[in-house]
Amino acid sequence: MRRRLIVKSFPGISVNAVNRQIWAALTAIMILKRLQIISKLNWSFSNLINLLRLNISTYNDIYRWINERRYAM
């Protein structure tokens, strides 16, 4: 887990704030990994994250988006 979850700094300094931030990051990783698994295309994890970051402010059906070939790299 240490290798995957590289955290340089935390906005909150209390133990509770740090725990919440770690759990939020782990939850996001699990959701993205699930999207990668259910996708019909062979997405790499980094490509999925980058394209999701670019399209986060648009309204798209996520299941259709991860399965359309025009978005795949």
N, C-alpha and C. Protein backbone atom coordinates (compact mmCIF):
# COMPACT_ATOMS: atom_id res chain seq x y z
N MET A 1 0.83 -1.19 0.00
CA MET A 1 0.00 0.00 0.00
C MET A 1 0.87 1.25 0.00
N ARG A 2 2.01 1.21 0.65
CA ARG A 2 2.87 2.38 0.69
C ARG A 2 3.34 2.81 -0.68
N ARG A 3 3.62 1.87 -1.54
CA ARG A 3 4.12 2.19 -2.87
C ARG A 3 3.06 2.83 -3.75
N ARG A 4 1.84 2.38 -3.64
CA ARG A 4 0.75 2.89 -4.47
C ARG A 4 0.25 4.25 -4.00
N LEU A 5 0.15 4.43 -2.72
CA LEU A 5 -0.46 5.64 -2.15
C LEU A 5 0.65 6.58 -1.67
N ILE A 6 1.15 7.37 -2.58
CA ILE A 6 2.22 8.31 -2.26
C ILE A 6 1.57 9.64 -1.88
N VAL A 7 1.75 10.03 -0.65
CA VAL A 7 1.17 11.27 -0.15
C VAL A 7 2.32 12.17 0.30
N LYS A 8 2.40 13.35 -0.31
CA LYS A 8 3.49 14.27 0.03
C LYS A 8 3.13 15.15 1.21
N SER A 9 1.88 15.56 1.29
CA SER A 9 1.47 16.40 2.41
C SER A 9 -0.02 16.21 2.65
N PHE A 10 -0.45 16.52 3.84
CA PHE A 10 -1.85 16.42 4.22
C PHE A 10 -2.35 17.81 4.61
N PRO A 11 -3.53 18.22 4.13
CA PRO A 11 -4.06 19.52 4.54
C PRO A 11 -4.37 19.57 6.04
N GLY A 12 -4.87 18.47 6.57
CA GLY A 12 -5.17 18.41 8.00
C GLY A 12 -4.03 17.76 8.74
N ILE A 13 -3.83 18.15 9.98
CA ILE A 13 -2.69 17.60 10.72
C ILE A 13 -3.10 16.68 11.86
N SER A 14 -4.37 16.66 12.19
CA SER A 14 -4.79 15.76 13.27
C SER A 14 -4.83 14.32 12.76
N VAL A 15 -4.80 13.39 13.67
CA VAL A 15 -4.83 11.97 13.30
C VAL A 15 -6.12 11.64 12.57
N ASN A 16 -7.23 12.20 13.01
CA ASN A 16 -8.51 11.94 12.38
C ASN A 16 -8.53 12.47 10.95
N ALA A 17 -7.98 13.66 10.72
CA ALA A 17 -7.96 14.24 9.38
C ALA A 17 -7.09 13.41 8.44
N VAL A 18 -5.95 12.96 8.91
CA VAL A 18 -5.07 12.14 8.09
C VAL A 18 -5.73 10.80 7.76
N ASN A 19 -6.38 10.19 8.73
CA ASN A 19 -7.09 8.93 8.49
C ASN A 19 -8.19 9.09 7.46
N ARG A 20 -8.94 10.17 7.53
CA ARG A 20 -10.01 10.41 6.56
C ARG A 20 -9.45 10.59 5.15
N GLN A 21 -8.33 11.31 5.05
CA GLN A 21 -7.74 11.55 3.74
C GLN A 21 -7.20 10.26 3.14
N ILE A 22 -6.61 9.41 3.96
CA ILE A 22 -6.12 8.12 3.48
C ILE A 22 -7.28 7.25 3.03
N TRP A 23 -8.36 7.20 3.81
CA TRP A 23 -9.52 6.39 3.44
C TRP A 23 -10.19 6.93 2.17
N ALA A 24 -10.23 8.24 2.01
CA ALA A 24 -10.81 8.82 0.79
C ALA A 24 -9.98 8.44 -0.43
N ALA A 25 -8.65 8.48 -0.30
CA ALA A 25 -7.78 8.10 -1.41
C ALA A 25 -7.93 6.62 -1.74
N LEU A 26 -7.99 5.77 -0.74
CA LEU A 26 -8.17 4.33 -0.97
C LEU A 26 -9.52 4.02 -1.61
N THR A 27 -10.56 4.74 -1.20
CA THR A 27 -11.88 4.55 -1.79
C THR A 27 -11.87 4.95 -3.27
N ALA A 28 -11.23 6.07 -3.58
CA ALA A 28 -11.13 6.51 -4.97
C ALA A 28 -10.37 5.49 -5.81
N ILE A 29 -9.28 4.95 -5.28
CA ILE A 29 -8.51 3.94 -6.00
C ILE A 29 -9.34 2.69 -6.25
N MET A 30 -10.12 2.27 -5.25
CA MET A 30 -10.97 1.08 -5.41
C MET A 30 -12.05 1.30 -6.47
N ILE A 31 -12.66 2.49 -6.50
CA ILE A 31 -13.68 2.78 -7.51
C ILE A 31 -13.08 2.78 -8.91
N LEU A 32 -11.92 3.40 -9.06
CA LEU A 32 -11.27 3.43 -10.36
C LEU A 32 -10.82 2.04 -10.80
N LYS A 33 -10.34 1.24 -9.87
CA LYS A 33 -9.95 -0.12 -10.20
C LYS A 33 -11.16 -0.93 -10.64
N ARG A 34 -12.30 -0.73 -10.01
CA ARG A 34 -13.54 -1.41 -10.40
C ARG A 34 -13.95 -1.00 -11.81
N LEU A 35 -13.84 0.29 -12.14
CA LEU A 35 -14.15 0.75 -13.49
C LEU A 35 -13.22 0.11 -14.51
N GLN A 36 -11.95 -0.04 -14.14
CA GLN A 36 -10.99 -0.68 -15.03
C GLN A 36 -11.36 -2.14 -15.27
N ILE A 37 -11.82 -2.83 -14.25
CA ILE A 37 -12.17 -4.25 -14.36
C ILE A 37 -13.42 -4.44 -15.21
N ILE A 38 -14.45 -3.60 -15.03
CA ILE A 38 -15.70 -3.82 -15.75
C ILE A 38 -15.66 -3.27 -17.17
N SER A 39 -14.62 -2.53 -17.52
CA SER A 39 -14.50 -2.00 -18.87
C SER A 39 -14.25 -3.13 -19.86
N LYS A 40 -14.87 -3.01 -21.05
CA LYS A 40 -14.66 -4.01 -22.09
C LYS A 40 -13.34 -3.77 -22.83
N LEU A 41 -12.83 -2.55 -22.76
CA LEU A 41 -11.55 -2.22 -23.38
C LEU A 41 -10.43 -2.45 -22.37
N ASN A 42 -9.25 -2.57 -22.87
CA ASN A 42 -8.11 -2.85 -22.01
C ASN A 42 -7.45 -1.53 -21.58
N TRP A 43 -8.05 -0.84 -20.61
CA TRP A 43 -7.53 0.42 -20.12
C TRP A 43 -6.37 0.18 -19.17
N SER A 44 -5.32 0.97 -19.31
CA SER A 44 -4.31 0.97 -18.25
C SER A 44 -4.82 1.90 -17.15
N PHE A 45 -4.37 1.65 -15.94
CA PHE A 45 -4.87 2.42 -14.80
C PHE A 45 -4.52 3.90 -14.95
N SER A 46 -3.32 4.20 -15.41
CA SER A 46 -2.90 5.60 -15.54
C SER A 46 -3.68 6.31 -16.65
N ASN A 47 -3.96 5.63 -17.77
CA ASN A 47 -4.76 6.24 -18.84
C ASN A 47 -6.19 6.51 -18.37
N LEU A 48 -6.75 5.59 -17.61
CA LEU A 48 -8.10 5.77 -17.09
C LEU A 48 -8.16 6.99 -16.17
N ILE A 49 -7.18 7.13 -15.31
CA ILE A 49 -7.15 8.27 -14.39
C ILE A 49 -6.97 9.57 -15.15
N ASN A 50 -6.07 9.60 -16.13
CA ASN A 50 -5.83 10.83 -16.88
C ASN A 50 -7.05 11.26 -17.68
N LEU A 51 -7.71 10.34 -18.35
CA LEU A 51 -8.90 10.71 -19.12
C LEU A 51 -10.07 11.08 -18.23
N LEU A 52 -10.17 10.44 -17.09
CA LEU A 52 -11.21 10.82 -16.14
C LEU A 52 -10.95 12.22 -15.60
N ARG A 53 -9.69 12.54 -15.35
CA ARG A 53 -9.33 13.87 -14.87
C ARG A 53 -9.69 14.94 -15.91
N LEU A 54 -9.48 14.63 -17.19
CA LEU A 54 -9.80 15.59 -18.24
C LEU A 54 -11.31 15.78 -18.41
N ASN A 55 -12.09 14.74 -18.16
CA ASN A 55 -13.54 14.78 -18.41
C ASN A 55 -14.37 14.87 -17.14
N ILE A 56 -13.77 15.21 -16.03
CA ILE A 56 -14.50 15.21 -14.76
C ILE A 56 -15.59 16.29 -14.72
N SER A 57 -15.40 17.38 -15.45
CA SER A 57 -16.38 18.47 -15.40
C SER A 57 -17.45 18.35 -16.47
N THR A 58 -17.43 17.29 -17.27
CA THR A 58 -18.45 17.10 -18.30
C THR A 58 -19.45 16.05 -17.84
N TYR A 59 -20.62 16.08 -18.44
CA TYR A 59 -21.64 15.11 -18.10
C TYR A 59 -21.58 13.97 -19.12
N ASN A 60 -21.12 12.82 -18.70
CA ASN A 60 -21.05 11.63 -19.54
C ASN A 60 -21.52 10.42 -18.76
N ASP A 61 -22.07 9.47 -19.47
CA ASP A 61 -22.39 8.19 -18.86
C ASP A 61 -21.08 7.43 -18.70
N ILE A 62 -20.67 7.18 -17.47
CA ILE A 62 -19.34 6.63 -17.21
C ILE A 62 -19.18 5.23 -17.80
N TYR A 63 -20.20 4.43 -17.78
CA TYR A 63 -20.10 3.07 -18.31
C TYR A 63 -19.96 3.09 -19.83
N ARG A 64 -20.68 3.99 -20.49
CA ARG A 64 -20.52 4.11 -21.94
C ARG A 64 -19.15 4.70 -22.28
N TRP A 65 -18.72 5.66 -21.49
CA TRP A 65 -17.46 6.35 -21.73
C TRP A 65 -16.26 5.40 -21.64
N ILE A 66 -16.23 4.50 -20.67
CA ILE A 66 -15.08 3.60 -20.53
C ILE A 66 -15.10 2.48 -21.55
N ASN A 67 -16.22 2.29 -22.23
CA ASN A 67 -16.31 1.20 -23.21
C ASN A 67 -16.27 1.66 -24.66
N GLU A 68 -16.21 2.97 -24.90
CA GLU A 68 -16.15 3.46 -26.28
C GLU A 68 -14.70 3.55 -26.73
N ARG A 69 -14.47 3.08 -27.91
CA ARG A 69 -13.11 3.03 -28.43
C ARG A 69 -12.54 4.39 -28.78
N ARG A 70 -13.38 5.39 -29.00
CA ARG A 70 -12.86 6.70 -29.39
C ARG A 70 -12.12 7.38 -28.25
N TYR A 71 -12.34 6.97 -27.00
CA TYR A 71 -11.63 7.54 -25.87
C TYR A 71 -10.38 6.75 -25.52
N ALA A 72 -10.30 5.53 -25.98
CA ALA A 72 -9.17 4.67 -25.61
C ALA A 72 -7.89 5.15 -26.28
N MET A 73 -6.81 5.01 -25.56
CA MET A 73 -5.51 5.42 -26.09
C MET A 73 -4.77 4.24 -26.66
